[in-house]
């Protein structure tokens, strides 16, 4: 359902549909959880819901209600806007953004390779943190890339 151009929701509704939004939120939730090193059951327990319910959010089968989004925003210390990918809706999706995403992916791959090969000297805790951070950033760039591709198709680019 697309709204009139004059509607304040038009930029959002033209860029993403419900199915794509669920998928984007699922990727964000999974990335945040992996960054913290939590299991799905850990997060579910911390926010007070059954594990299968939380799993549904990460698999894009269901959407989290506002109370759960609030709890997740406190758990991960991020604004709800971040959890629902709102910042991404204001981005102009095009080839230039894809180039920037590719540059990020290449940088993450290079740093990851240096970590694995031992070129970056650090203690085990630092390496573990860096590895989790890199994986989360890779998940985020993958979600950005997928969203960019969806929106480029919608806009006919």
C-alpha atoms as a PDB file:
ATOM      1  CA  UNK A   1       0.000   0.000   0.000  1.00  0.00           C
ATOM      2  CA  UNK A   2       1.576   3.249  -1.132  1.00  0.00           C
ATOM      3  CA  UNK A   3       0.388   6.552   0.173  1.00  0.00           C
ATOM      4  CA  UNK A   4      -0.115   9.869  -1.505  1.00  0.00           C
ATOM      5  CA  UNK A   5       3.146  11.757  -2.168  1.00  0.00           C
ATOM      6  CA  UNK A   6       2.042  14.419   0.342  1.00  0.00           C
ATOM      7  CA  UNK A   7       1.749  11.909   3.183  1.00  0.00           C
ATOM      8  CA  UNK A   8       4.479  12.045   5.832  1.00  0.00           C
ATOM      9  CA  UNK A   9       4.753   8.242   5.490  1.00  0.00           C
ATOM     10  CA  UNK A  10       5.367   8.296   1.737  1.00  0.00           C
ATOM     11  CA  UNK A  11       9.195   8.105   1.949  1.00  0.00           C
ATOM     12  CA  UNK A  12       8.943   5.038   4.191  1.00  0.00           C
ATOM     13  CA  UNK A  13       6.221   3.222   2.298  1.00  0.00           C
ATOM     14  CA  UNK A  14       7.896   3.788  -1.057  1.00  0.00           C
ATOM     15  CA  UNK A  15      11.151   2.285   0.126  1.00  0.00           C
ATOM     16  CA  UNK A  16      10.158  -0.874   1.994  1.00  0.00           C
ATOM     17  CA  UNK A  17       7.201  -3.205   2.338  1.00  0.00           C
ATOM     18  CA  UNK A  18       6.155  -5.139   5.434  1.00  0.00           C
ATOM     19  CA  UNK A  19       7.906  -8.363   4.454  1.00  0.00           C
ATOM     20  CA  UNK A  20      11.172  -6.552   3.709  1.00  0.00           C
ATOM     21  CA  UNK A  21      10.918  -4.561   6.943  1.00  0.00           C
ATOM     22  CA  UNK A  22      10.478  -7.748   8.986  1.00  0.00           C
ATOM     23  CA  UNK A  23      13.535  -9.200   7.262  1.00  0.00           C
ATOM     24  CA  UNK A  24      15.577  -6.050   7.942  1.00  0.00           C
ATOM     25  CA  UNK A  25      14.582  -5.961  11.630  1.00  0.00           C
ATOM     26  CA  UNK A  26      15.391  -9.674  11.925  1.00  0.00           C
ATOM     27  CA  UNK A  27      18.919  -9.051  10.563  1.00  0.00           C
ATOM     28  CA  UNK A  28      19.445  -6.127  12.934  1.00  0.00           C
ATOM     29  CA  UNK A  29      18.302  -8.149  15.963  1.00  0.00           C
ATOM     30  CA  UNK A  30      20.511 -11.085  15.029  1.00  0.00           C
ATOM     31  CA  UNK A  31      23.503  -8.807  14.475  1.00  0.00           C
ATOM     32  CA  UNK A  32      23.069  -7.107  17.853  1.00  0.00           C
ATOM     33  CA  UNK A  33      22.637 -10.440  19.620  1.00  0.00           C
ATOM     34  CA  UNK A  34      25.760 -11.866  17.974  1.00  0.00           C
ATOM     35  CA  UNK A  35      27.738  -8.743  18.889  1.00  0.00           C
ATOM     36  CA  UNK A  36      26.925  -9.320  22.545  1.00  0.00           C
ATOM     37  CA  UNK A  37      27.647 -13.045  22.249  1.00  0.00           C
ATOM     38  CA  UNK A  38      24.167 -13.991  23.430  1.00  0.00           C
ATOM     39  CA  UNK A  39      22.148 -17.005  22.414  1.00  0.00           C
ATOM     40  CA  UNK A  40      18.502 -16.549  21.421  1.00  0.00           C
ATOM     41  CA  UNK A  41      17.452 -18.208  24.677  1.00  0.00           C
ATOM     42  CA  UNK A  42      19.579 -15.700  26.644  1.00  0.00           C
ATOM     43  CA  UNK A  43      17.886 -12.717  25.008  1.00  0.00           C
ATOM     44  CA  UNK A  44      14.433 -14.261  25.383  1.00  0.00           C
ATOM     45  CA  UNK A  45      15.033 -14.851  29.077  1.00  0.00           C
ATOM     46  CA  UNK A  46      16.399 -11.333  29.650  1.00  0.00           C
ATOM     47  CA  UNK A  47      13.402  -9.668  28.012  1.00  0.00           C
ATOM     48  CA  UNK A  48      10.889 -12.068  29.543  1.00  0.00           C
ATOM     49  CA  UNK A  49       9.485 -13.986  26.578  1.00  0.00           C
ATOM     50  CA  UNK A  50       9.629 -17.607  25.370  1.00  0.00           C
ATOM     51  CA  UNK A  51      12.597 -18.519  23.169  1.00  0.00           C
ATOM     52  CA  UNK A  52      10.394 -19.569  20.206  1.00  0.00           C
ATOM     53  CA  UNK A  53       8.715 -16.153  20.291  1.00  0.00           C
ATOM     54  CA  UNK A  54      12.067 -14.382  20.120  1.00  0.00           C
ATOM     55  CA  UNK A  55      13.238 -16.777  17.413  1.00  0.00           C
ATOM     56  CA  UNK A  56      10.235 -15.683  15.351  1.00  0.00           C
ATOM     57  CA  UNK A  57      11.481 -12.091  15.439  1.00  0.00           C
ATOM     58  CA  UNK A  58      14.955 -13.083  14.197  1.00  0.00           C
ATOM     59  CA  UNK A  59      13.538 -15.290  11.457  1.00  0.00           C
ATOM     60  CA  UNK A  60      11.170 -12.532  10.272  1.00  0.00           C
ATOM     61  CA  UNK A  61       8.130 -14.736  10.898  1.00  0.00           C
ATOM     62  CA  UNK A  62       6.614 -12.294  13.365  1.00  0.00           C
ATOM     63  CA  UNK A  63       7.120  -8.703  14.480  1.00  0.00           C
ATOM     64  CA  UNK A  64       8.048  -7.655  17.968  1.00  0.00           C
ATOM     65  CA  UNK A  65       5.438  -5.537  19.772  1.00  0.00           C
ATOM     66  CA  UNK A  66       6.443  -2.126  21.072  1.00  0.00           C
ATOM     67  CA  UNK A  67       7.054  -3.365  24.628  1.00  0.00           C
ATOM     68  CA  UNK A  68       9.576  -5.900  23.344  1.00  0.00           C
ATOM     69  CA  UNK A  69      11.258  -3.283  21.156  1.00  0.00           C
ATOM     70  CA  UNK A  70      11.579  -1.054  24.216  1.00  0.00           C
ATOM     71  CA  UNK A  71      13.156  -3.880  26.207  1.00  0.00           C
ATOM     72  CA  UNK A  72      15.526  -4.712  23.348  1.00  0.00           C
ATOM     73  CA  UNK A  73      16.520  -1.063  22.994  1.00  0.00           C
ATOM     74  CA  UNK A  74      17.491  -1.021  26.681  1.00  0.00           C
ATOM     75  CA  UNK A  75      19.219  -4.397  26.473  1.00  0.00           C
ATOM     76  CA  UNK A  76      21.387  -3.331  23.536  1.00  0.00           C
ATOM     77  CA  UNK A  77      21.544   0.365  24.495  1.00  0.00           C
ATOM     78  CA  UNK A  78      20.310   1.517  21.087  1.00  0.00           C
ATOM     79  CA  UNK A  79      17.315   3.672  20.103  1.00  0.00           C
ATOM     80  CA  UNK A  80      14.198   1.929  18.815  1.00  0.00           C
ATOM     81  CA  UNK A  81      14.750   3.776  15.529  1.00  0.00           C
ATOM     82  CA  UNK A  82      17.937   1.751  15.119  1.00  0.00           C
ATOM     83  CA  UNK A  83      16.165  -1.538  15.906  1.00  0.00           C
ATOM     84  CA  UNK A  84      13.583  -0.946  13.182  1.00  0.00           C
ATOM     85  CA  UNK A  85      16.136   0.330  10.668  1.00  0.00           C
ATOM     86  CA  UNK A  86      14.658   3.817  10.451  1.00  0.00           C
ATOM     87  CA  UNK A  87      17.989   5.417   9.559  1.00  0.00           C
ATOM     88  CA  UNK A  88      18.092   3.265   6.454  1.00  0.00           C
ATOM     89  CA  UNK A  89      14.833   4.709   5.152  1.00  0.00           C
ATOM     90  CA  UNK A  90      16.398   8.119   4.683  1.00  0.00           C
ATOM     91  CA  UNK A  91      19.306   6.823   2.630  1.00  0.00           C
ATOM     92  CA  UNK A  92      19.252   7.305  -1.137  1.00  0.00           C
ATOM     93  CA  UNK A  93      19.617   3.770  -2.408  1.00  0.00           C
ATOM     94  CA  UNK A  94      21.745   3.664  -5.513  1.00  0.00           C
ATOM     95  CA  UNK A  95      24.999   2.535  -7.044  1.00  0.00           C
ATOM     96  CA  UNK A  96      27.002   5.034  -4.974  1.00  0.00           C
ATOM     97  CA  UNK A  97      25.698   3.505  -1.745  1.00  0.00           C
ATOM     98  CA  UNK A  98      26.470   0.032  -3.098  1.00  0.00           C
ATOM     99  CA  UNK A  99      30.043   1.169  -3.732  1.00  0.00           C
ATOM    100  CA  UNK A 100      30.321   2.391  -0.139  1.00  0.00           C
ATOM    101  CA  UNK A 101      28.907  -0.912   1.139  1.00  0.00           C
ATOM    102  CA  UNK A 102      31.435  -2.819  -0.974  1.00  0.00           C
ATOM    103  CA  UNK A 103      34.264  -0.681   0.433  1.00  0.00           C
ATOM    104  CA  UNK A 104      33.120  -1.491   3.989  1.00  0.00           C
ATOM    105  CA  UNK A 105      32.908  -5.193   3.224  1.00  0.00           C
ATOM    106  CA  UNK A 106      36.437  -5.160   1.767  1.00  0.00           C
ATOM    107  CA  UNK A 107      37.787  -3.316   4.811  1.00  0.00           C
ATOM    108  CA  UNK A 108      36.109  -5.784   7.182  1.00  0.00           C
ATOM    109  CA  UNK A 109      37.475  -8.732   5.196  1.00  0.00           C
ATOM    110  CA  UNK A 110      40.997  -7.268   5.304  1.00  0.00           C
ATOM    111  CA  UNK A 111      40.869  -6.651   9.057  1.00  0.00           C
ATOM    112  CA  UNK A 112      39.371 -10.086   9.631  1.00  0.00           C
ATOM    113  CA  UNK A 113      42.151 -11.697   7.607  1.00  0.00           C
ATOM    114  CA  UNK A 114      44.778  -9.806   9.570  1.00  0.00           C
ATOM    115  CA  UNK A 115      43.189 -10.936  12.828  1.00  0.00           C
ATOM    116  CA  UNK A 116      43.080 -14.559  11.755  1.00  0.00           C
ATOM    117  CA  UNK A 117      46.650 -14.545  10.476  1.00  0.00           C
ATOM    118  CA  UNK A 118      47.952 -12.967  13.669  1.00  0.00           C
ATOM    119  CA  UNK A 119      49.179  -9.801  11.910  1.00  0.00           C
ATOM    120  CA  UNK A 120      47.221  -7.725  14.403  1.00  0.00           C
ATOM    121  CA  UNK A 121      48.789  -8.476  17.753  1.00  0.00           C
ATOM    122  CA  UNK A 122      46.329  -8.394  20.586  1.00  0.00           C
ATOM    123  CA  UNK A 123      45.392 -10.427  23.608  1.00  0.00           C
ATOM    124  CA  UNK A 124      42.741 -13.127  23.304  1.00  0.00           C
ATOM    125  CA  UNK A 125      39.929 -10.957  24.720  1.00  0.00           C
ATOM    126  CA  UNK A 126      40.673  -8.152  22.274  1.00  0.00           C
ATOM    127  CA  UNK A 127      40.773 -10.580  19.359  1.00  0.00           C
ATOM    128  CA  UNK A 128      37.479 -12.145  20.465  1.00  0.00           C
ATOM    129  CA  UNK A 129      35.831  -8.724  20.758  1.00  0.00           C
ATOM    130  CA  UNK A 130      37.218  -7.635  17.397  1.00  0.00           C
ATOM    131  CA  UNK A 131      35.963 -10.834  15.796  1.00  0.00           C
ATOM    132  CA  UNK A 132      32.444 -10.378  17.230  1.00  0.00           C
ATOM    133  CA  UNK A 133      32.451  -6.725  16.180  1.00  0.00           C
ATOM    134  CA  UNK A 134      33.537  -7.585  12.644  1.00  0.00           C
ATOM    135  CA  UNK A 135      30.823 -10.233  12.356  1.00  0.00           C
ATOM    136  CA  UNK A 136      28.196  -7.768  13.532  1.00  0.00           C
ATOM    137  CA  UNK A 137      29.400  -5.153  11.073  1.00  0.00           C
ATOM    138  CA  UNK A 138      29.349  -7.725   8.282  1.00  0.00           C
ATOM    139  CA  UNK A 139      25.747  -8.605   9.212  1.00  0.00           C
ATOM    140  CA  UNK A 140      24.830  -4.922   9.190  1.00  0.00           C
ATOM    141  CA  UNK A 141      26.470  -4.254   5.823  1.00  0.00           C
ATOM    142  CA  UNK A 142      24.790  -7.375   4.424  1.00  0.00           C
ATOM    143  CA  UNK A 143      21.410  -6.055   5.619  1.00  0.00           C
ATOM    144  CA  UNK A 144      22.182  -2.641   4.106  1.00  0.00           C
ATOM    145  CA  UNK A 145      23.186  -4.259   0.831  1.00  0.00           C
ATOM    146  CA  UNK A 146      20.047  -6.400   0.697  1.00  0.00           C
ATOM    147  CA  UNK A 147      17.866  -3.387   1.456  1.00  0.00           C
ATOM    148  CA  UNK A 148      19.710  -1.355  -1.176  1.00  0.00           C
ATOM    149  CA  UNK A 149      19.163  -4.078  -3.775  1.00  0.00           C
ATOM    150  CA  UNK A 150      15.460  -4.315  -2.965  1.00  0.00           C
ATOM    151  CA  UNK A 151      15.038  -0.569  -3.264  1.00  0.00           C
ATOM    152  CA  UNK A 152      17.062  -0.317  -6.461  1.00  0.00           C
ATOM    153  CA  UNK A 153      14.726  -2.925  -8.010  1.00  0.00           C
ATOM    154  CA  UNK A 154      11.685  -0.957  -6.829  1.00  0.00           C
ATOM    155  CA  UNK A 155      13.036   2.251  -8.292  1.00  0.00           C
ATOM    156  CA  UNK A 156      14.020   0.564 -11.567  1.00  0.00           C
ATOM    157  CA  UNK A 157      17.761   1.298 -11.269  1.00  0.00           C
END
